[in-house]
PDB file of N, CA and C in Angstrom:
ATOM      1  N   MET A   1     116.254 109.483 125.079  1.00  0.00           N
ATOM      2  CA  MET A   1     117.778 109.281 123.609  1.00  0.00           C
ATOM      3  C   MET A   1     116.817 109.681 122.705  1.00  0.00           C
ATOM      4  N   ALA A   2     114.797 109.277 122.551  1.00  0.00           N
ATOM      5  CA  ALA A   2     114.528 109.849 120.798  1.00  0.00           C
ATOM      6  C   ALA A   2     114.243 110.512 120.811  1.00  0.00           C
ATOM      7  N   ALA A   3     114.132 111.883 122.048  1.00  0.00           N
ATOM      8  CA  ALA A   3     113.787 113.372 122.097  1.00  0.00           C
ATOM      9  C   ALA A   3     115.515 113.763 121.578  1.00  0.00           C
ATOM     10  N   GLU A   4     116.341 113.418 122.008  1.00  0.00           N
ATOM     11  CA  GLU A   4     118.082 114.128 120.958  1.00  0.00           C
ATOM     12  C   GLU A   4     118.001 113.702 119.734  1.00  0.00           C
ATOM     13  N   LEU A   5     118.081 112.427 119.594  1.00  0.00           N
ATOM     14  CA  LEU A   5     118.064 111.610 118.072  1.00  0.00           C
ATOM     15  C   LEU A   5     117.046 112.610 117.142  1.00  0.00           C
ATOM     16  N   THR A   6     115.471 112.770 117.758  1.00  0.00           N
ATOM     17  CA  THR A   6     115.036 113.785 116.472  1.00  0.00           C
ATOM     18  C   THR A   6     115.266 114.950 116.486  1.00  0.00           C
ATOM     19  N   ALA A   7     115.836 115.717 117.263  1.00  0.00           N
ATOM     20  CA  ALA A   7     116.046 117.053 116.796  1.00  0.00           C
ATOM     21  C   ALA A   7     117.219 117.170 116.066  1.00  0.00           C
ATOM     22  N   LEU A   8     118.109 116.229 116.700  1.00  0.00           N
ATOM     23  CA  LEU A   8     119.563 116.078 115.838  1.00  0.00           C
ATOM     24  C   LEU A   8     118.769 115.377 114.222  1.00  0.00           C
ATOM     25  N   LEU A   9     118.260 114.866 114.154  1.00  0.00           N
ATOM     26  CA  LEU A   9     118.114 114.407 112.593  1.00  0.00           C
ATOM     27  C   LEU A   9     115.978 114.148 112.143  1.00  0.00           C
ATOM     28  N   PRO A  10     115.816 115.463 112.433  1.00  0.00           N
ATOM     29  CA  PRO A  10     114.324 116.067 111.841  1.00  0.00           C
ATOM     30  C   PRO A  10     113.873 115.853 110.641  1.00  0.00           C
ATOM     31  N   GLU A  11     113.900 114.249 110.292  1.00  0.00           N
ATOM     32  CA  GLU A  11     113.679 112.980 108.952  1.00  0.00           C
ATOM     33  C   GLU A  11     112.465 112.275 109.775  1.00  0.00           C
ATOM     34  N   GLU A  12     111.226 112.199 108.618  1.00  0.00           N
ATOM     35  CA  GLU A  12     110.612 111.467 109.470  1.00  0.00           C
ATOM     36  C   GLU A  12     110.943 109.799 109.194  1.00  0.00           C
ATOM     37  N   GLY A  13     111.136 108.760 110.134  1.00  0.00           N
ATOM     38  CA  GLY A  13     111.251 107.161 110.604  1.00  0.00           C
ATOM     39  C   GLY A  13     111.588 107.403 111.385  1.00  0.00           C
ATOM     40  N   GLY A  14     111.721 107.944 112.121  1.00  0.00           N
ATOM     41  CA  GLY A  14     112.450 107.109 113.470  1.00  0.00           C
ATOM     42  C   GLY A  14     113.500 107.061 113.367  1.00  0.00           C
ATOM     43  N   TYR A  15     113.070 105.067 113.968  1.00  0.00           N
ATOM     44  CA  TYR A  15     114.416 104.337 114.582  1.00  0.00           C
ATOM     45  C   TYR A  15     115.351 103.609 113.595  1.00  0.00           C
ATOM     46  N   TYR A  16     114.110 104.111 112.451  1.00  0.00           N
ATOM     47  CA  TYR A  16     114.957 103.370 110.758  1.00  0.00           C
ATOM     48  C   TYR A  16     116.745 104.318 110.231  1.00  0.00           C
ATOM     49  N   VAL A  17     115.348 105.671 110.254  1.00  0.00           N
ATOM     50  CA  VAL A  17     116.626 106.648 109.721  1.00  0.00           C
ATOM     51  C   VAL A  17     117.647 106.963 110.628  1.00  0.00           C
ATOM     52  N   TRP A  18     117.987 106.627 111.685  1.00  0.00           N
ATOM     53  CA  TRP A  18     118.417 107.302 112.963  1.00  0.00           C
ATOM     54  C   TRP A  18     119.808 105.819 112.881  1.00  0.00           C
ATOM     55  N   VAL A  19     119.322 104.113 112.497  1.00  0.00           N
ATOM     56  CA  VAL A  19     120.184 103.624 112.809  1.00  0.00           C
ATOM     57  C   VAL A  19     120.859 103.342 110.956  1.00  0.00           C
ATOM     58  N   ARG A  20     120.066 103.906 109.994  1.00  0.00           N
ATOM     59  CA  ARG A  20     120.399 103.765 109.014  1.00  0.00           C
ATOM     60  C   ARG A  20     122.045 104.979 108.626  1.00  0.00           C
ATOM     61  N   GLU A  21     120.926 106.188 109.446  1.00  0.00           N
ATOM     62  CA  GLU A  21     122.447 106.939 109.458  1.00  0.00           C
ATOM     63  C   GLU A  21     124.024 106.355 110.342  1.00  0.00           C
ATOM     64  N   ALA A  22     123.661 105.389 111.401  1.00  0.00           N
ATOM     65  CA  ALA A  22     125.477 105.524 112.069  1.00  0.00           C
ATOM     66  C   ALA A  22     125.381 104.094 111.307  1.00  0.00           C
ATOM     67  N   PHE A  23     124.260 103.117 110.668  1.00  0.00           N
ATOM     68  CA  PHE A  23     125.360 101.942 110.538  1.00  0.00           C
ATOM     69  C   PHE A  23     124.930 101.257 109.044  1.00  0.00           C
ATOM     70  N   GLY A  24     124.345 102.020 108.616  1.00  0.00           N
ATOM     71  CA  GLY A  24     123.779 101.963 107.322  1.00  0.00           C
ATOM     72  C   GLY A  24     122.715 101.161 106.737  1.00  0.00           C
ATOM     73  N   SER A  25     122.330 101.285 105.244  1.00  0.00           N
ATOM     74  CA  SER A  25     121.067 100.862 105.265  1.00  0.00           C
ATOM     75  C   SER A  25     120.808  98.591 105.759  1.00  0.00           C
ATOM     76  N   PHE A  26     121.731  98.390 105.245  1.00  0.00           N
ATOM     77  CA  PHE A  26     121.142  96.952 105.868  1.00  0.00           C
ATOM     78  C   PHE A  26     120.923  96.511 106.734  1.00  0.00           C
ATOM     79  N   CYS A  27     121.720  97.157 107.594  1.00  0.00           N
ATOM     80  CA  CYS A  27     120.886  97.482 108.989  1.00  0.00           C
ATOM     81  C   CYS A  27     119.748  97.862 109.380  1.00  0.00           C
ATOM     82  N   ALA A  28     119.620  99.302 108.413  1.00  0.00           N
ATOM     83  CA  ALA A  28     118.096  99.527 109.261  1.00  0.00           C
ATOM     84  C   ALA A  28     117.390  98.563 108.682  1.00  0.00           C
ATOM     85  N   VAL A  29     117.055  98.245 107.296  1.00  0.00           N
ATOM     86  CA  VAL A  29     116.674  97.135 107.450  1.00  0.00           C
ATOM     87  C   VAL A  29     116.280  95.935 108.419  1.00  0.00           C
ATOM     88  N   GLN A  30     116.936  95.402 108.709  1.00  0.00           N
ATOM     89  CA  GLN A  30     117.255  94.761 109.709  1.00  0.00           C
ATOM     90  C   GLN A  30     116.308  95.085 111.224  1.00  0.00           C
ATOM     91  N   GLN A  31     116.754  95.946 111.820  1.00  0.00           N
ATOM     92  CA  GLN A  31     116.101  96.622 112.521  1.00  0.00           C
ATOM     93  C   GLN A  31     114.835  96.959 112.447  1.00  0.00           C
ATOM     94  N   ALA A  32     114.239  97.584 110.562  1.00  0.00           N
ATOM     95  CA  ALA A  32     112.646  97.474 111.072  1.00  0.00           C
ATOM     96  C   ALA A  32     111.706  96.226 110.645  1.00  0.00           C
ATOM     97  N   CYS A  33     112.508  94.878 110.658  1.00  0.00           N
ATOM     98  CA  CYS A  33     111.997  93.564 110.280  1.00  0.00           C
ATOM     99  C   CYS A  33     111.687  93.722 111.913  1.00  0.00           C
ATOM    100  N   TRP A  34     112.936  93.473 112.415  1.00  0.00           N
ATOM    101  CA  TRP A  34     112.942  93.106 114.266  1.00  0.00           C
ATOM    102  C   TRP A  34     111.930  94.094 114.710  1.00  0.00           C
ATOM    103  N   THR A  35     111.415  95.105 114.156  1.00  0.00           N
ATOM    104  CA  THR A  35     110.866  95.826 115.447  1.00  0.00           C
ATOM    105  C   THR A  35     109.681  95.504 115.096  1.00  0.00           C
ATOM    106  N   MET A  36     109.154  94.899 112.992  1.00  0.00           N
ATOM    107  CA  MET A  36     107.854  94.513 113.457  1.00  0.00           C
ATOM    108  C   MET A  36     107.697  93.471 114.121  1.00  0.00           C
ATOM    109  N   ILE A  37     108.413  92.367 113.997  1.00  0.00           N
ATOM    110  CA  ILE A  37     108.181  91.283 114.282  1.00  0.00           C
ATOM    111  C   ILE A  37     107.637  91.167 116.458  1.00  0.00           C
ATOM    112  N   VAL A  38     108.827  91.926 116.375  1.00  0.00           N
ATOM    113  CA  VAL A  38     108.881  92.691 118.170  1.00  0.00           C
ATOM    114  C   VAL A  38     107.359  93.223 118.379  1.00  0.00           C
ATOM    115  N   SER A  39     106.683  94.119 117.480  1.00  0.00           N
ATOM    116  CA  SER A  39     105.171  94.611 117.815  1.00  0.00           C
ATOM    117  C   SER A  39     104.349  93.978 117.588  1.00  0.00           C
ATOM    118  N   VAL A  40     104.851  92.834 116.444  1.00  0.00           N
ATOM    119  CA  VAL A  40     103.376  91.167 117.012  1.00  0.00           C
ATOM    120  C   VAL A  40     103.350  90.616 117.857  1.00  0.00           C
ATOM    121  N   VAL A  41     104.743  90.467 118.849  1.00  0.00           N
ATOM    122  CA  VAL A  41     104.400  89.911 120.303  1.00  0.00           C
ATOM    123  C   VAL A  41     104.245  90.894 120.804  1.00  0.00           C
ATOM    124  N   TRP A  42     104.505  91.522 121.007  1.00  0.00           N
ATOM    125  CA  TRP A  42     103.984  92.799 121.956  1.00  0.00           C
ATOM    126  C   TRP A  42     102.681  93.140 122.603  1.00  0.00           C
ATOM    127  N   LEU A  43     101.898  93.076 120.882  1.00  0.00           N
ATOM    128  CA  LEU A  43      99.970  93.327 120.610  1.00  0.00           C
ATOM    129  C   LEU A  43      99.469  91.723 121.277  1.00  0.00           C
ATOM    130  N   ALA A  44     100.371  90.799 120.717  1.00  0.00           N
ATOM    131  CA  ALA A  44      99.763  89.500 121.472  1.00  0.00           C
ATOM    132  C   ALA A  44      99.905  89.225 122.637  1.00  0.00           C
ATOM    133  N   MET A  45     101.018  89.548 123.571  1.00  0.00           N
ATOM    134  CA  MET A  45     101.294  89.464 125.034  1.00  0.00           C
ATOM    135  C   MET A  45     100.506  89.918 125.974  1.00  0.00           C
ATOM    136  N   TYR A  46     100.077  91.588 125.705  1.00  0.00           N
ATOM    137  CA  TYR A  46      98.836  92.601 126.329  1.00  0.00           C
ATOM    138  C   TYR A  46      97.452  92.046 126.779  1.00  0.00           C
ATOM    139  N   PRO A  47      97.069  91.394 125.283  1.00  0.00           N
ATOM    140  CA  PRO A  47      95.461  91.040 125.897  1.00  0.00           C
ATOM    141  C   PRO A  47      95.886  89.420 126.891  1.00  0.00           C
ATOM    142  N   VAL A  48      96.757  88.947 126.542  1.00  0.00           N
ATOM    143  CA  VAL A  48      97.187  87.610 128.141  1.00  0.00           C
ATOM    144  C   VAL A  48      97.442  88.099 128.978  1.00  0.00           C
ATOM    145  N   LEU A  49      98.186  89.211 129.362  1.00  0.00           N
ATOM    146  CA  LEU A  49      98.741  89.736 130.737  1.00  0.00           C
ATOM    147  C   LEU A  49      97.273  90.479 131.305  1.00  0.00           C
ATOM    148  N   PHE A  50      96.349  90.847 130.374  1.00  0.00           N
ATOM    149  CA  PHE A  50      95.717  91.604 130.933  1.00  0.00           C
ATOM    150  C   PHE A  50      94.540  91.178 131.847  1.00  0.00           C
ATOM    151  N   VAL A  51      94.186  89.994 130.880  1.00  0.00           N
ATOM    152  CA  VAL A  51      93.563  88.775 131.479  1.00  0.00           C
ATOM    153  C   VAL A  51      93.616  88.011 132.658  1.00  0.00           C
ATOM    154  N   GLY A  52      95.299  88.137 132.813  1.00  0.00           N
ATOM    155  CA  GLY A  52      95.546  87.136 133.859  1.00  0.00           C
ATOM    156  C   GLY A  52      95.193  87.869 134.667  1.00  0.00           C
ATOM    157  N   TYR A  53      95.916  89.643 134.754  1.00  0.00           N
ATOM    158  CA  TYR A  53      95.643  89.937 135.975  1.00  0.00           C
ATOM    159  C   TYR A  53      93.833  90.186 136.399  1.00  0.00           C
ATOM    160  N   PHE A  54      93.797  90.685 135.744  1.00  0.00           N
ATOM    161  CA  PHE A  54      91.955  90.733 135.933  1.00  0.00           C
ATOM    162  C   PHE A  54      91.308  89.673 136.292  1.00  0.00           C
ATOM    163  N   GLY A  55      91.923  88.820 136.074  1.00  0.00           N
ATOM    164  CA  GLY A  55      91.445  87.542 136.665  1.00  0.00           C
ATOM    165  C   GLY A  55      91.799  87.348 138.235  1.00  0.00           C
ATOM    166  N   GLU A  56      92.919  87.856 138.351  1.00  0.00           N
ATOM    167  CA  GLU A  56      93.794  87.862 139.860  1.00  0.00           C
ATOM    168  C   GLU A  56      93.127  88.828 141.020  1.00  0.00           C
ATOM    169  N   VAL A  57      92.760  89.859 140.230  1.00  0.00           N
ATOM    170  CA  VAL A  57      92.187  90.933 140.656  1.00  0.00           C
ATOM    171  C   VAL A  57      90.839  91.038 141.333  1.00  0.00           C
ATOM    172  N   ARG A  58      90.139  90.742 140.057  1.00  0.00           N
ATOM    173  CA  ARG A  58      88.395  90.355 140.181  1.00  0.00           C
ATOM    174  C   ARG A  58      88.373  89.507 140.837  1.00  0.00           C
ATOM    175  N   TYR A  59      88.459  88.109 141.258  1.00  0.00           N
ATOM    176  CA  TYR A  59      88.866  87.167 141.991  1.00  0.00           C
ATOM    177  C   TYR A  59      89.397  86.796 143.148  1.00  0.00           C
ATOM    178  N   CYS A  60      90.602  87.000 142.931  1.00  0.00           N
ATOM    179  CA  CYS A  60      91.285  86.720 144.184  1.00  0.00           C
ATOM    180  C   CYS A  60      91.478  85.274 143.785  1.00  0.00           C
ATOM    181  N   THR A  61      92.556  84.883 142.423  1.00  0.00           N
ATOM    182  CA  THR A  61      92.340  83.439 142.711  1.00  0.00           C
ATOM    183  C   THR A  61      93.506  83.005 142.568  1.00  0.00           C
ATOM    184  N   ALA A  62      94.819  83.689 143.314  1.00  0.00           N
ATOM    185  CA  ALA A  62      95.896  83.105 144.293  1.00  0.00           C
ATOM    186  C   ALA A  62      95.046  82.789 145.977  1.00  0.00           C
ATOM    187  N   GLY A  63      94.666  83.153 146.353  1.00  0.00           N
ATOM    188  CA  GLY A  63      94.256  82.132 147.643  1.00  0.00           C
ATOM    189  C   GLY A  63      94.325  81.434 148.070  1.00  0.00           C
ATOM    190  N   PRO A  64      94.507  80.613 149.245  1.00  0.00           N
ATOM    191  CA  PRO A  64      94.622  79.710 149.570  1.00  0.00           C
ATOM    192  C   PRO A  64      93.059  78.622 149.536  1.00  0.00           C
ATOM    193  N   LEU A  65      92.261  79.602 149.470  1.00  0.00           N
ATOM    194  CA  LEU A  65      90.954  78.475 149.045  1.00  0.00           C
ATOM    195  C   LEU A  65      90.429  78.826 148.409  1.00  0.00           C
ATOM    196  N   SER A  66      90.854  78.872 146.837  1.00  0.00           N
ATOM    197  CA  SER A  66      90.452  78.883 145.728  1.00  0.00           C
ATOM    198  C   SER A  66      90.488  77.779 144.965  1.00  0.00           C
ATOM    199  N   THR A  67      90.227  77.170 143.959  1.00  0.00           N
ATOM    200  CA  THR A  67      90.216  75.679 143.587  1.00  0.00           C
ATOM    201  C   THR A  67      90.839  76.065 142.162  1.00  0.00           C
ATOM    202  N   GLY A  68      90.506  77.498 141.571  1.00  0.00           N
ATOM    203  CA  GLY A  68      91.061  77.533 140.696  1.00  0.00           C
ATOM    204  C   GLY A  68      90.589  77.004 138.579  1.00  0.00           C
ATOM    205  N   VAL A  69      89.314  76.021 139.127  1.00  0.00           N
ATOM    206  CA  VAL A  69      88.478  75.912 138.167  1.00  0.00           C
ATOM    207  C   VAL A  69      87.448  76.562 137.853  1.00  0.00           C
ATOM    208  N   PRO A  70      86.819  76.984 138.837  1.00  0.00           N
ATOM    209  CA  PRO A  70      85.356  77.723 138.433  1.00  0.00           C
ATOM    210  C   PRO A  70      86.190  79.534 137.916  1.00  0.00           C
ATOM    211  N   SER A  71      87.265  79.588 139.086  1.00  0.00           N
ATOM    212  CA  SER A  71      88.172  81.369 138.932  1.00  0.00           C
ATOM    213  C   SER A  71      88.725  81.606 137.546  1.00  0.00           C
ATOM    214  N   THR A  72      88.691  80.163 136.751  1.00  0.00           N
ATOM    215  CA  THR A  72      89.161  80.618 135.272  1.00  0.00           C
ATOM    216  C   THR A  72      88.077  80.239 134.684  1.00  0.00           C
ATOM    217  N   LEU A  73      86.748  79.629 135.040  1.00  0.00           N
ATOM    218  CA  LEU A  73      86.075  79.796 134.092  1.00  0.00           C
ATOM    219  C   LEU A  73      84.775  81.530 133.975  1.00  0.00           C
ATOM    220  N   ARG A  74      85.112  81.847 134.760  1.00  0.00           N
ATOM    221  CA  ARG A  74      84.607  83.064 135.377  1.00  0.00           C
ATOM    222  C   ARG A  74      85.897  83.967 134.650  1.00  0.00           C
ATOM    223  N   THR A  75      86.930  83.939 134.220  1.00  0.00           N
ATOM    224  CA  THR A  75      87.441  84.564 133.695  1.00  0.00           C
ATOM    225  C   THR A  75      87.907  84.938 132.573  1.00  0.00           C
ATOM    226  N   ARG A  76      87.534  83.090 132.082  1.00  0.00           N
ATOM    227  CA  ARG A  76      87.619  83.487 130.267  1.00  0.00           C
ATOM    228  C   ARG A  76      85.539  83.741 129.723  1.00  0.00           C
ATOM    229  N   ILE A  77      84.921  84.105 130.700  1.00  0.00           N
ATOM    230  CA  ILE A  77      83.401  84.676 130.406  1.00  0.00           C
ATOM    231  C   ILE A  77      83.785  85.831 130.413  1.00  0.00           C
ATOM    232  N   ASP A  78      84.483  86.342 131.417  1.00  0.00           N
ATOM    233  CA  ASP A  78      84.407  88.184 131.815  1.00  0.00           C
ATOM    234  C   ASP A  78      85.203  88.528 130.268  1.00  0.00           C
ATOM    235  N   SER A  79      86.338  87.531 130.313  1.00  0.00           N
ATOM    236  CA  SER A  79      87.629  88.050 128.984  1.00  0.00           C
ATOM    237  C   SER A  79      86.789  88.108 127.435  1.00  0.00           C
ATOM    238  N   VAL A  80      85.467  87.482 127.438  1.00  0.00           N
ATOM    239  CA  VAL A  80      84.632  86.963 125.939  1.00  0.00           C
ATOM    240  C   VAL A  80      83.330  87.854 126.177  1.00  0.00           C
ATOM    241  N   SER A  81      83.000  88.599 127.242  1.00  0.00           N
ATOM    242  CA  SER A  81      82.113  90.052 127.326  1.00  0.00           C
ATOM    243  C   SER A  81      83.371  91.040 127.048  1.00  0.00           C
ATOM    244  N   LEU A  82      84.359  90.832 127.571  1.00  0.00           N
ATOM    245  CA  LEU A  82      84.997  92.486 127.690  1.00  0.00           C
ATOM    246  C   LEU A  82      85.268  92.364 125.881  1.00  0.00           C
ATOM    247  N   SER A  83      85.788  91.359 125.150  1.00  0.00           N
ATOM    248  CA  SER A  83      85.607  91.255 123.962  1.00  0.00           C
ATOM    249  C   SER A  83      84.799  92.307 123.012  1.00  0.00           C
ATOM    250  N   PHE A  84      83.637  92.402 123.639  1.00  0.00           N
ATOM    251  CA  PHE A  84      82.071  92.568 122.769  1.00  0.00           C
ATOM    252  C   PHE A  84      82.500  93.926 122.873  1.00  0.00           C
ATOM    253  N   LEU A  85      82.684  94.806 124.271  1.00  0.00           N
ATOM    254  CA  LEU A  85      82.221  95.781 124.727  1.00  0.00           C
ATOM    255  C   LEU A  85      82.526  96.955 123.187  1.00  0.00           C
ATOM    256  N   PRO A  86      84.298  96.675 122.771  1.00  0.00           N
ATOM    257  CA  PRO A  86      84.341  98.056 121.504  1.00  0.00           C
ATOM    258  C   PRO A  86      83.216  97.578 120.306  1.00  0.00           C
ATOM    259  N   ARG A  87      82.900  96.765 120.268  1.00  0.00           N
ATOM    260  CA  ARG A  87      81.930  96.266 119.162  1.00  0.00           C
ATOM    261  C   ARG A  87      80.303  97.065 119.140  1.00  0.00           C
ATOM    262  N   THR A  88      79.906  97.264 120.343  1.00  0.00           N
ATOM    263  CA  THR A  88      78.290  97.403 120.549  1.00  0.00           C
ATOM    264  C   THR A  88      78.729  98.679 120.587  1.00  0.00           C
ATOM    265  N   GLU A  89      77.756  99.840 120.042  1.00  0.00           N
ATOM    266  CA  GLU A  89      77.379 100.885 120.063  1.00  0.00           C
ATOM    267  C   GLU A  89      76.495 101.646 120.783  1.00  0.00           C
ATOM    268  N   PRO A  90      76.892 102.811 121.568  1.00  0.00           N
ATOM    269  CA  PRO A  90      75.893 103.036 122.764  1.00  0.00           C
ATOM    270  C   PRO A  90      74.018 103.643 121.656  1.00  0.00           C
ATOM    271  N   ARG A  91      73.282 103.469 122.417  1.00  0.00           N
ATOM    272  CA  ARG A  91      72.054 104.255 121.469  1.00  0.00           C
ATOM    273  C   ARG A  91      71.799 105.113 122.832  1.00  0.00           C
TER     274      ARG A  91
END
């Protein structure tokens, strides 16, 4: 759908322009505000999901023999150590 709308309205602005043309300025501003709010929620959600999935795959914490406490600690240590990777520079 985005490709068709972009070809139809070759103007920068994306969804804002499309909603403005279809429903007017008020609805376009509402759409832009909701898009920014949803983007913040999504950006906060993805790291949490990654750490959860990483813990499940790396340590198999869903198994019947897992106690939960050590695997949770290992997952937190790994998530903290992974958060420092982008900040380090190669030598």
